[in-house]
Amino acid sequence: MKIKKPKVAETVSNKGKRKVSKKKMFESVVVTPEFMGEFYSYSRHSKTSGLANILNDRNLKLRTPQITARQINSWDSYELIEVDRDGKEWRKYSFLDAVWLNIVFELRKLGYTVQQLKLLKQSLQVGSKIIGTPMPFLEFCIYKAFMHNEEQVLLAFEDGSGIPINEVSYLNNIYHHTLENHNYIKLNKVIEHIFETNKNSLNENKALNFIRNNKFEKVSISFKSNEMEMITGTERINTNKYIGDVIKEYQHQTLEIKKNDGKLTNITRTVRKKIKDIEL
């Protein structure tokens, strides 16, 4: 299944100034129906997703040992980043901003021009107005890396277009020789690097670590006075286990058990924890 094509840029010919559609290279990337189905499901609930709130909340004073303030100011002047200062204060970033900054840094090392990076940014913003978050596909792949520990990559093409996908789809495209020349960045590595170099946003790191160390299908976060207070995660449990074993194993959690015609069909556990009680 191909990704739904965004409206592509149009160029003007020198002769008759006729508008000609220009196909972007990422449009040749093929992803699985499962990937797209999960993306659409995630997007429908992204506005109420606890993880989406964390990823887009600009509350992080980012430490970037490999990226200088001069580079950041330059990228800001070219509108590659859109993170304002509050007076003379430090810029405050979201986790998604931090991922994007590292992507810009890596691609600049590979020789990508400012114009190419601007076009890549536009590619990653496809669907943002509909879904309500800045970079929906990138956010979704970060979500998959966190929630399911799946390997995710960002493909960047020479025309400036790009797309983040899971590694399974990427390898499938390689196998079938469908990809144009490209560079790719392992998003999981970028995420790990951000965690290693940023310890100053305590509540965000606590929440993200709690999510990463569990296999939740759904996460929500409650706030009090604009501060994260409680995190709630829900996951399904293998129904092949005996009820007694399930109760013993998860005796401190909330369990919902469903049966149909006397047969166990679904077990769901809900974990609630105060942010202050989560250990890093």
C-alpha atoms as a PDB file:
ATOM      1  CA  MET A   1       0.000   0.000   0.000  1.00  0.00           C
ATOM      2  CA  LYS A   2       1.441   3.388  -0.972  1.00  0.00           C
ATOM      3  CA  ILE A   3       1.342   6.375   1.307  1.00  0.00           C
ATOM      4  CA  LYS A   4      -1.371   8.818   0.391  1.00  0.00           C
ATOM      5  CA  LYS A   5       0.270  11.440  -1.788  1.00  0.00           C
ATOM      6  CA  PRO A   6       0.358  15.001  -0.475  1.00  0.00           C
ATOM      7  CA  LYS A   7      -0.143  17.953  -2.761  1.00  0.00           C
ATOM      8  CA  VAL A   8       3.156  18.197  -4.607  1.00  0.00           C
ATOM      9  CA  ALA A   9       4.997  21.340  -5.584  1.00  0.00           C
ATOM     10  CA  GLU A  10       4.532  22.702  -9.088  1.00  0.00           C
ATOM     11  CA  THR A  11       7.271  24.155 -11.257  1.00  0.00           C
ATOM     12  CA  VAL A  12       6.959  26.615 -14.113  1.00  0.00           C
ATOM     13  CA  SER A  13       8.612  25.898 -17.474  1.00  0.00           C
ATOM     14  CA  ASN A  14      10.636  28.629 -19.169  1.00  0.00           C
ATOM     15  CA  LYS A  15       8.858  28.243 -22.529  1.00  0.00           C
ATOM     16  CA  GLY A  16       5.128  28.435 -22.052  1.00  0.00           C
ATOM     17  CA  LYS A  17       5.229  28.827 -18.259  1.00  0.00           C
ATOM     18  CA  ARG A  18       3.029  25.746 -18.093  1.00  0.00           C
ATOM     19  CA  LYS A  19       2.588  24.239 -14.631  1.00  0.00           C
ATOM     20  CA  VAL A  20       4.118  20.794 -14.357  1.00  0.00           C
ATOM     21  CA  SER A  21       3.609  18.410 -11.442  1.00  0.00           C
ATOM     22  CA  LYS A  22       6.849  17.195  -9.902  1.00  0.00           C
ATOM     23  CA  LYS A  23       6.766  13.789  -8.233  1.00  0.00           C
ATOM     24  CA  LYS A  24       8.706  13.500  -5.007  1.00  0.00           C
ATOM     25  CA  MET A  25      10.997  10.517  -4.529  1.00  0.00           C
ATOM     26  CA  PHE A  26       9.422   9.413  -1.254  1.00  0.00           C
ATOM     27  CA  GLU A  27       6.196   8.695  -3.129  1.00  0.00           C
ATOM     28  CA  SER A  28       7.824   5.534  -4.489  1.00  0.00           C
ATOM     29  CA  VAL A  29       8.277   4.149  -0.955  1.00  0.00           C
ATOM     30  CA  VAL A  30       5.934   1.233  -0.241  1.00  0.00           C
ATOM     31  CA  VAL A  31       4.827   0.521   3.330  1.00  0.00           C
ATOM     32  CA  THR A  32       2.719  -2.288   4.748  1.00  0.00           C
ATOM     33  CA  PRO A  33      -1.060  -1.901   5.237  1.00  0.00           C
ATOM     34  CA  GLU A  34      -0.478  -2.690   8.917  1.00  0.00           C
ATOM     35  CA  PHE A  35       1.880   0.282   9.269  1.00  0.00           C
ATOM     36  CA  MET A  36      -0.613   2.662   7.662  1.00  0.00           C
ATOM     37  CA  GLY A  37      -3.502   1.222   9.674  1.00  0.00           C
ATOM     38  CA  GLU A  38      -1.617   1.783  12.931  1.00  0.00           C
ATOM     39  CA  PHE A  39      -0.661   5.297  11.828  1.00  0.00           C
ATOM     40  CA  TYR A  40      -4.277   6.266  11.121  1.00  0.00           C
ATOM     41  CA  SER A  41      -5.389   4.727  14.414  1.00  0.00           C
ATOM     42  CA  TYR A  42      -2.689   6.642  16.308  1.00  0.00           C
ATOM     43  CA  SER A  43      -3.486   9.919  14.503  1.00  0.00           C
ATOM     44  CA  ARG A  44      -7.186   9.717  15.443  1.00  0.00           C
ATOM     45  CA  HIS A  45      -6.259   9.651  19.126  1.00  0.00           C
ATOM     46  CA  SER A  46      -3.060  11.719  19.078  1.00  0.00           C
ATOM     47  CA  LYS A  47      -4.686  14.808  20.607  1.00  0.00           C
ATOM     48  CA  THR A  48      -5.676  12.830  23.697  1.00  0.00           C
ATOM     49  CA  SER A  49      -2.577  10.618  23.797  1.00  0.00           C
ATOM     50  CA  GLY A  50      -0.385  11.046  26.864  1.00  0.00           C
ATOM     51  CA  LEU A  51       2.718  10.201  24.884  1.00  0.00           C
ATOM     52  CA  ALA A  52       1.854  12.687  22.125  1.00  0.00           C
ATOM     53  CA  ASN A  53       1.541  15.396  24.785  1.00  0.00           C
ATOM     54  CA  ILE A  54       4.987  14.549  26.141  1.00  0.00           C
ATOM     55  CA  LEU A  55       6.610  14.423  22.702  1.00  0.00           C
ATOM     56  CA  ASN A  56       5.216  17.843  21.712  1.00  0.00           C
ATOM     57  CA  ASP A  57       5.404  19.686  25.053  1.00  0.00           C
ATOM     58  CA  ARG A  58       8.133  22.338  24.798  1.00  0.00           C
ATOM     59  CA  ASN A  59       9.536  22.047  28.294  1.00  0.00           C
ATOM     60  CA  LEU A  60      13.025  20.673  27.635  1.00  0.00           C
ATOM     61  CA  LYS A  61      16.209  22.736  28.005  1.00  0.00           C
ATOM     62  CA  LEU A  62      18.096  20.721  25.458  1.00  0.00           C
ATOM     63  CA  ARG A  63      21.729  19.747  25.957  1.00  0.00           C
ATOM     64  CA  THR A  64      23.408  19.223  22.602  1.00  0.00           C
ATOM     65  CA  PRO A  65      27.161  18.714  23.087  1.00  0.00           C
ATOM     66  CA  GLN A  66      27.705  18.056  19.368  1.00  0.00           C
ATOM     67  CA  ILE A  67      25.538  20.994  18.179  1.00  0.00           C
ATOM     68  CA  THR A  68      26.764  24.521  18.879  1.00  0.00           C
ATOM     69  CA  ALA A  69      24.599  27.521  19.763  1.00  0.00           C
ATOM     70  CA  ARG A  70      25.923  29.172  16.597  1.00  0.00           C
ATOM     71  CA  GLN A  71      24.603  26.296  14.471  1.00  0.00           C
ATOM     72  CA  ILE A  72      21.198  26.452  16.167  1.00  0.00           C
ATOM     73  CA  ASN A  73      20.994  30.227  15.648  1.00  0.00           C
ATOM     74  CA  SER A  74      21.913  29.748  11.982  1.00  0.00           C
ATOM     75  CA  TRP A  75      19.249  27.054  11.489  1.00  0.00           C
ATOM     76  CA  ASP A  76      16.756  29.328  13.234  1.00  0.00           C
ATOM     77  CA  SER A  77      17.559  32.171  10.805  1.00  0.00           C
ATOM     78  CA  TYR A  78      16.881  29.779   7.900  1.00  0.00           C
ATOM     79  CA  GLU A  79      13.604  28.693   9.566  1.00  0.00           C
ATOM     80  CA  LEU A  80      14.750  25.080   9.879  1.00  0.00           C
ATOM     81  CA  ILE A  81      13.659  25.216  13.509  1.00  0.00           C
ATOM     82  CA  GLU A  82      10.760  27.149  15.014  1.00  0.00           C
ATOM     83  CA  VAL A  83      11.576  27.330  18.712  1.00  0.00           C
ATOM     84  CA  ASP A  84      11.300  30.845  20.132  1.00  0.00           C
ATOM     85  CA  ARG A  85      13.245  32.260  23.033  1.00  0.00           C
ATOM     86  CA  ASP A  86      11.422  33.775  25.983  1.00  0.00           C
ATOM     87  CA  GLY A  87      13.377  37.013  26.241  1.00  0.00           C
ATOM     88  CA  LYS A  88      17.017  36.118  26.961  1.00  0.00           C
ATOM     89  CA  GLU A  89      16.081  32.741  28.347  1.00  0.00           C
ATOM     90  CA  TRP A  90      17.172  29.407  26.896  1.00  0.00           C
ATOM     91  CA  ARG A  91      15.065  27.968  24.123  1.00  0.00           C
ATOM     92  CA  LYS A  92      12.756  25.243  25.378  1.00  0.00           C
ATOM     93  CA  TYR A  93      12.294  22.274  23.077  1.00  0.00           C
ATOM     94  CA  SER A  94       9.914  19.371  22.798  1.00  0.00           C
ATOM     95  CA  PHE A  95      11.259  15.843  22.443  1.00  0.00           C
ATOM     96  CA  LEU A  96      10.141  15.966  18.799  1.00  0.00           C
ATOM     97  CA  ASP A  97      12.134  19.209  18.331  1.00  0.00           C
ATOM     98  CA  ALA A  98      15.184  17.447  19.772  1.00  0.00           C
ATOM     99  CA  VAL A  99      14.837  14.556  17.316  1.00  0.00           C
ATOM    100  CA  TRP A 100      14.490  16.984  14.396  1.00  0.00           C
ATOM    101  CA  LEU A 101      17.561  18.978  15.519  1.00  0.00           C
ATOM    102  CA  ASN A 102      19.637  15.806  15.559  1.00  0.00           C
ATOM    103  CA  ILE A 103      18.327  14.853  12.113  1.00  0.00           C
ATOM    104  CA  VAL A 104      19.369  18.277  10.760  1.00  0.00           C
ATOM    105  CA  PHE A 105      22.798  17.894  12.358  1.00  0.00           C
ATOM    106  CA  GLU A 106      23.387  14.426  10.871  1.00  0.00           C
ATOM    107  CA  LEU A 107      22.217  15.404   7.381  1.00  0.00           C
ATOM    108  CA  ARG A 108      24.302  18.581   7.384  1.00  0.00           C
ATOM    109  CA  LYS A 109      27.339  16.386   8.054  1.00  0.00           C
ATOM    110  CA  LEU A 110      26.366  14.374   4.976  1.00  0.00           C
ATOM    111  CA  GLY A 111      26.311  17.517   2.867  1.00  0.00           C
ATOM    112  CA  TYR A 112      22.588  18.320   2.743  1.00  0.00           C
ATOM    113  CA  THR A 113      21.914  21.933   1.837  1.00  0.00           C
ATOM    114  CA  VAL A 114      19.613  24.269   3.710  1.00  0.00           C
ATOM    115  CA  GLN A 115      17.155  24.092   0.798  1.00  0.00           C
ATOM    116  CA  GLN A 116      17.114  20.281   0.899  1.00  0.00           C
ATOM    117  CA  LEU A 117      16.457  20.371   4.645  1.00  0.00           C
ATOM    118  CA  LYS A 118      13.625  22.879   4.178  1.00  0.00           C
ATOM    119  CA  LEU A 119      12.001  20.506   1.690  1.00  0.00           C
ATOM    120  CA  LEU A 120      12.532  17.579   4.061  1.00  0.00           C
ATOM    121  CA  LYS A 121      10.854  19.561   6.820  1.00  0.00           C
ATOM    122  CA  GLN A 122       7.879  20.172   4.515  1.00  0.00           C
ATOM    123  CA  SER A 123       7.670  16.436   3.763  1.00  0.00           C
ATOM    124  CA  LEU A 124       7.596  15.628   7.470  1.00  0.00           C
ATOM    125  CA  GLN A 125       4.850  18.208   8.057  1.00  0.00           C
ATOM    126  CA  VAL A 126       2.413  16.475   5.673  1.00  0.00           C
ATOM    127  CA  GLY A 127      -0.899  15.998   7.520  1.00  0.00           C
ATOM    128  CA  SER A 128       0.015  18.352  10.382  1.00  0.00           C
ATOM    129  CA  LYS A 129      -2.976  20.664   9.880  1.00  0.00           C
ATOM    130  CA  ILE A 130      -5.426  17.755   9.823  1.00  0.00           C
ATOM    131  CA  ILE A 131      -3.939  15.786  12.715  1.00  0.00           C
ATOM    132  CA  GLY A 132      -2.917  18.777  14.820  1.00  0.00           C
ATOM    133  CA  THR A 133       0.726  17.930  15.571  1.00  0.00           C
ATOM    134  CA  PRO A 134       3.846  19.315  13.788  1.00  0.00           C
ATOM    135  CA  MET A 135       5.310  16.153  12.202  1.00  0.00           C
ATOM    136  CA  PRO A 136       2.736  13.337  12.356  1.00  0.00           C
ATOM    137  CA  PHE A 137       4.693  10.508  10.690  1.00  0.00           C
ATOM    138  CA  LEU A 138       7.884  11.282  12.622  1.00  0.00           C
ATOM    139  CA  GLU A 139       5.899  11.440  15.863  1.00  0.00           C
ATOM    140  CA  PHE A 140       4.240   8.110  15.065  1.00  0.00           C
ATOM    141  CA  CYS A 141       7.583   6.395  14.418  1.00  0.00           C
ATOM    142  CA  ILE A 142       8.963   7.747  17.700  1.00  0.00           C
ATOM    143  CA  TYR A 143       5.830   6.384  19.375  1.00  0.00           C
ATOM    144  CA  LYS A 144       6.461   2.950  17.815  1.00  0.00           C
ATOM    145  CA  ALA A 145      10.082   3.024  18.949  1.00  0.00           C
ATOM    146  CA  PHE A 146       8.988   3.837  22.517  1.00  0.00           C
ATOM    147  CA  MET A 147       5.893   1.692  22.887  1.00  0.00           C
ATOM    148  CA  HIS A 148       6.914  -1.399  20.945  1.00  0.00           C
ATOM    149  CA  ASN A 149      10.702  -1.097  20.783  1.00  0.00           C
ATOM    150  CA  GLU A 150      10.514  -1.332  16.985  1.00  0.00           C
ATOM    151  CA  GLU A 151      13.375  -0.121  14.836  1.00  0.00           C
ATOM    152  CA  GLN A 152      12.428   3.030  12.913  1.00  0.00           C
ATOM    153  CA  VAL A 153      14.371   4.884  10.216  1.00  0.00           C
ATOM    154  CA  LEU A 154      14.123   8.201   8.407  1.00  0.00           C
ATOM    155  CA  LEU A 155      14.729   8.056   4.657  1.00  0.00           C
ATOM    156  CA  ALA A 156      16.078  11.286   3.119  1.00  0.00           C
ATOM    157  CA  PHE A 157      16.302  11.633  -0.665  1.00  0.00           C
ATOM    158  CA  GLU A 158      18.440  13.943  -2.781  1.00  0.00           C
ATOM    159  CA  ASP A 159      15.433  16.022  -3.905  1.00  0.00           C
ATOM    160  CA  GLY A 160      14.800  16.978  -0.279  1.00  0.00           C
ATOM    161  CA  SER A 161      11.777  14.724   0.213  1.00  0.00           C
ATOM    162  CA  GLY A 162      11.784  12.172   3.003  1.00  0.00           C
ATOM    163  CA  ILE A 163       9.705   9.825   5.101  1.00  0.00           C
ATOM    164  CA  PRO A 164      10.082   7.971   8.427  1.00  0.00           C
ATOM    165  CA  ILE A 165       9.098   4.278   8.289  1.00  0.00           C
ATOM    166  CA  ASN A 166       9.733   1.097  10.245  1.00  0.00           C
ATOM    167  CA  GLU A 167      12.796  -0.952   9.407  1.00  0.00           C
ATOM    168  CA  VAL A 168      10.708  -3.877   8.122  1.00  0.00           C
ATOM    169  CA  SER A 169       9.182  -1.675   5.403  1.00  0.00           C
ATOM    170  CA  TYR A 170      12.595  -0.205   4.654  1.00  0.00           C
ATOM    171  CA  LEU A 171      14.235  -3.619   4.165  1.00  0.00           C
ATOM    172  CA  ASN A 172      11.279  -4.725   2.039  1.00  0.00           C
ATOM    173  CA  ASN A 173      11.834  -1.739  -0.266  1.00  0.00           C
ATOM    174  CA  ILE A 174      15.539  -2.539  -0.467  1.00  0.00           C
ATOM    175  CA  TYR A 175      14.783  -6.159  -1.341  1.00  0.00           C
ATOM    176  CA  HIS A 176      12.432  -5.181  -4.157  1.00  0.00           C
ATOM    177  CA  HIS A 177      14.783  -2.448  -5.462  1.00  0.00           C
ATOM    178  CA  THR A 178      12.098   0.230  -5.262  1.00  0.00           C
ATOM    179  CA  LEU A 179      14.155   2.982  -3.609  1.00  0.00           C
ATOM    180  CA  GLU A 180      16.002   5.841  -5.277  1.00  0.00           C
ATOM    181  CA  ASN A 181      19.432   6.855  -3.928  1.00  0.00           C
ATOM    182  CA  HIS A 182      18.986   7.988  -0.348  1.00  0.00           C
ATOM    183  CA  ASN A 183      20.477   8.430   3.097  1.00  0.00           C
ATOM    184  CA  TYR A 184      18.870   7.041   6.197  1.00  0.00           C
ATOM    185  CA  ILE A 185      19.022   7.796   9.903  1.00  0.00           C
ATOM    186  CA  LYS A 186      18.225   5.266  12.605  1.00  0.00           C
ATOM    187  CA  LEU A 187      15.675   7.064  14.770  1.00  0.00           C
ATOM    188  CA  ASN A 188      16.162   4.668  17.688  1.00  0.00           C
ATOM    189  CA  LYS A 189      19.815   5.752  17.879  1.00  0.00           C
ATOM    190  CA  VAL A 190      18.776   9.409  17.885  1.00  0.00           C
ATOM    191  CA  ILE A 191      16.306   8.754  20.720  1.00  0.00           C
ATOM    192  CA  GLU A 192      18.952   6.939  22.778  1.00  0.00           C
ATOM    193  CA  HIS A 193      21.386   9.811  22.266  1.00  0.00           C
ATOM    194  CA  ILE A 194      18.844  12.380  23.463  1.00  0.00           C
ATOM    195  CA  PHE A 195      18.194  10.316  26.595  1.00  0.00           C
ATOM    196  CA  GLU A 196      21.904   9.979  27.319  1.00  0.00           C
ATOM    197  CA  THR A 197      22.661  13.692  27.012  1.00  0.00           C
ATOM    198  CA  ASN A 198      19.538  15.208  28.608  1.00  0.00           C
ATOM    199  CA  LYS A 199      18.754  14.562  32.245  1.00  0.00           C
ATOM    200  CA  ASN A 200      17.358  17.979  33.113  1.00  0.00           C
ATOM    201  CA  SER A 201      13.675  17.417  32.366  1.00  0.00           C
ATOM    202  CA  LEU A 202      12.911  15.109  35.264  1.00  0.00           C
ATOM    203  CA  ASN A 203       9.164  14.504  34.885  1.00  0.00           C
ATOM    204  CA  GLU A 204       9.345  14.019  31.109  1.00  0.00           C
ATOM    205  CA  ASN A 205      12.198  11.536  31.455  1.00  0.00           C
ATOM    206  CA  LYS A 206      10.370   9.667  34.211  1.00  0.00           C
ATOM    207  CA  ALA A 207       7.252   9.358  32.080  1.00  0.00           C
ATOM    208  CA  LEU A 208       9.161   8.327  28.956  1.00  0.00           C
ATOM    209  CA  ASN A 209      11.198   5.725  30.856  1.00  0.00           C
ATOM    210  CA  PHE A 210       8.023   4.308  32.392  1.00  0.00           C
ATOM    211  CA  ILE A 211       6.505   3.987  28.902  1.00  0.00           C
ATOM    212  CA  ARG A 212       9.637   2.437  27.413  1.00  0.00           C
ATOM    213  CA  ASN A 213       9.951  -0.177  30.145  1.00  0.00           C
ATOM    214  CA  ASN A 214       6.411  -1.507  29.635  1.00  0.00           C
ATOM    215  CA  LYS A 215       4.378  -2.777  26.696  1.00  0.00           C
ATOM    216  CA  PHE A 216       1.351  -0.548  26.902  1.00  0.00           C
ATOM    217  CA  GLU A 217      -1.108  -0.229  24.033  1.00  0.00           C
ATOM    218  CA  LYS A 218      -2.502   3.025  25.386  1.00  0.00           C
ATOM    219  CA  VAL A 219      -1.055   5.681  27.663  1.00  0.00           C
ATOM    220  CA  SER A 220      -2.716   8.712  29.219  1.00  0.00           C
ATOM    221  CA  ILE A 221      -1.323  11.391  31.524  1.00  0.00           C
ATOM    222  CA  SER A 222      -3.199  13.633  33.939  1.00  0.00           C
ATOM    223  CA  PHE A 223      -1.966  17.084  34.892  1.00  0.00           C
ATOM    224  CA  LYS A 224      -2.342  19.239  37.975  1.00  0.00           C
ATOM    225  CA  SER A 225      -1.413  22.933  37.872  1.00  0.00           C
ATOM    226  CA  ASN A 226       0.199  22.353  34.460  1.00  0.00           C
ATOM    227  CA  GLU A 227       2.483  19.674  35.908  1.00  0.00           C
ATOM    228  CA  MET A 228       2.311  15.959  35.085  1.00  0.00           C
ATOM    229  CA  GLU A 229       0.822  14.151  38.069  1.00  0.00           C
ATOM    230  CA  MET A 230      -0.360  10.659  37.100  1.00  0.00           C
ATOM    231  CA  ILE A 231       0.394   8.274  34.237  1.00  0.00           C
ATOM    232  CA  THR A 232      -1.937   5.433  33.238  1.00  0.00           C
ATOM    233  CA  GLY A 233      -0.997   2.595  30.909  1.00  0.00           C
ATOM    234  CA  THR A 234      -3.168  -0.220  29.519  1.00  0.00           C
ATOM    235  CA  GLU A 235      -2.056  -3.503  27.960  1.00  0.00           C
ATOM    236  CA  ARG A 236      -3.510  -6.879  26.999  1.00  0.00           C
ATOM    237  CA  ILE A 237      -2.292 -10.055  28.675  1.00  0.00           C
ATOM    238  CA  ASN A 238      -1.829 -13.501  27.155  1.00  0.00           C
ATOM    239  CA  THR A 239      -5.140 -15.306  27.656  1.00  0.00           C
ATOM    240  CA  ASN A 240      -3.413 -18.697  27.724  1.00  0.00           C
ATOM    241  CA  LYS A 241      -2.419 -18.102  31.330  1.00  0.00           C
ATOM    242  CA  TYR A 242      -4.515 -19.427  34.200  1.00  0.00           C
ATOM    243  CA  ILE A 243      -6.629 -16.797  35.929  1.00  0.00           C
ATOM    244  CA  GLY A 244      -5.011 -17.595  39.272  1.00  0.00           C
ATOM    245  CA  ASP A 245      -1.537 -17.054  37.833  1.00  0.00           C
ATOM    246  CA  VAL A 246      -2.603 -13.775  36.250  1.00  0.00           C
ATOM    247  CA  ILE A 247      -4.027 -12.490  39.532  1.00  0.00           C
ATOM    248  CA  LYS A 248      -0.858 -13.449  41.411  1.00  0.00           C
ATOM    249  CA  GLU A 249       1.424 -11.924  38.816  1.00  0.00           C
ATOM    250  CA  TYR A 250      -0.516  -8.665  38.583  1.00  0.00           C
ATOM    251  CA  GLN A 251      -1.965  -8.522  42.072  1.00  0.00           C
ATOM    252  CA  HIS A 252      -1.154  -4.818  42.451  1.00  0.00           C
ATOM    253  CA  GLN A 253      -2.764  -3.781  39.173  1.00  0.00           C
ATOM    254  CA  THR A 254      -6.325  -3.322  37.922  1.00  0.00           C
ATOM    255  CA  LEU A 255      -7.466  -6.270  35.794  1.00  0.00           C
ATOM    256  CA  GLU A 256     -10.426  -6.474  33.416  1.00  0.00           C
ATOM    257  CA  ILE A 257     -11.352 -10.030  32.430  1.00  0.00           C
ATOM    258  CA  LYS A 258     -13.799 -10.793  29.609  1.00  0.00           C
ATOM    259  CA  LYS A 259     -15.383 -14.149  28.831  1.00  0.00           C
ATOM    260  CA  ASN A 260     -17.596 -15.380  26.009  1.00  0.00           C
ATOM    261  CA  ASP A 261     -19.624 -18.602  26.399  1.00  0.00           C
ATOM    262  CA  GLY A 262     -17.515 -19.472  29.411  1.00  0.00           C
ATOM    263  CA  LYS A 263     -14.258 -19.047  27.478  1.00  0.00           C
ATOM    264  CA  LEU A 264     -11.668 -16.478  28.434  1.00  0.00           C
ATOM    265  CA  THR A 265     -11.331 -14.048  25.510  1.00  0.00           C
ATOM    266  CA  ASN A 266      -9.537 -10.974  26.807  1.00  0.00           C
ATOM    267  CA  ILE A 267      -7.541  -9.825  29.836  1.00  0.00           C
ATOM    268  CA  THR A 268      -6.561  -6.166  30.149  1.00  0.00           C
ATOM    269  CA  ARG A 269      -4.482  -4.659  32.919  1.00  0.00           C
ATOM    270  CA  THR A 270      -4.322  -0.988  33.808  1.00  0.00           C
ATOM    271  CA  VAL A 271      -1.337   0.475  35.627  1.00  0.00           C
ATOM    272  CA  ARG A 272      -1.580   3.836  37.362  1.00  0.00           C
ATOM    273  CA  LYS A 273       1.413   5.531  38.889  1.00  0.00           C
ATOM    274  CA  LYS A 274       2.214   8.974  40.223  1.00  0.00           C
ATOM    275  CA  ILE A 275       5.004  10.622  38.273  1.00  0.00           C
ATOM    276  CA  LYS A 276       6.862  11.485  41.485  1.00  0.00           C
ATOM    277  CA  ASP A 277       7.000   7.779  42.412  1.00  0.00           C
ATOM    278  CA  ILE A 278       8.620   6.642  39.148  1.00  0.00           C
ATOM    279  CA  GLU A 279      12.303   5.821  39.403  1.00  0.00           C
ATOM    280  CA  LEU A 280      14.797   6.744  36.677  1.00  0.00           C
END
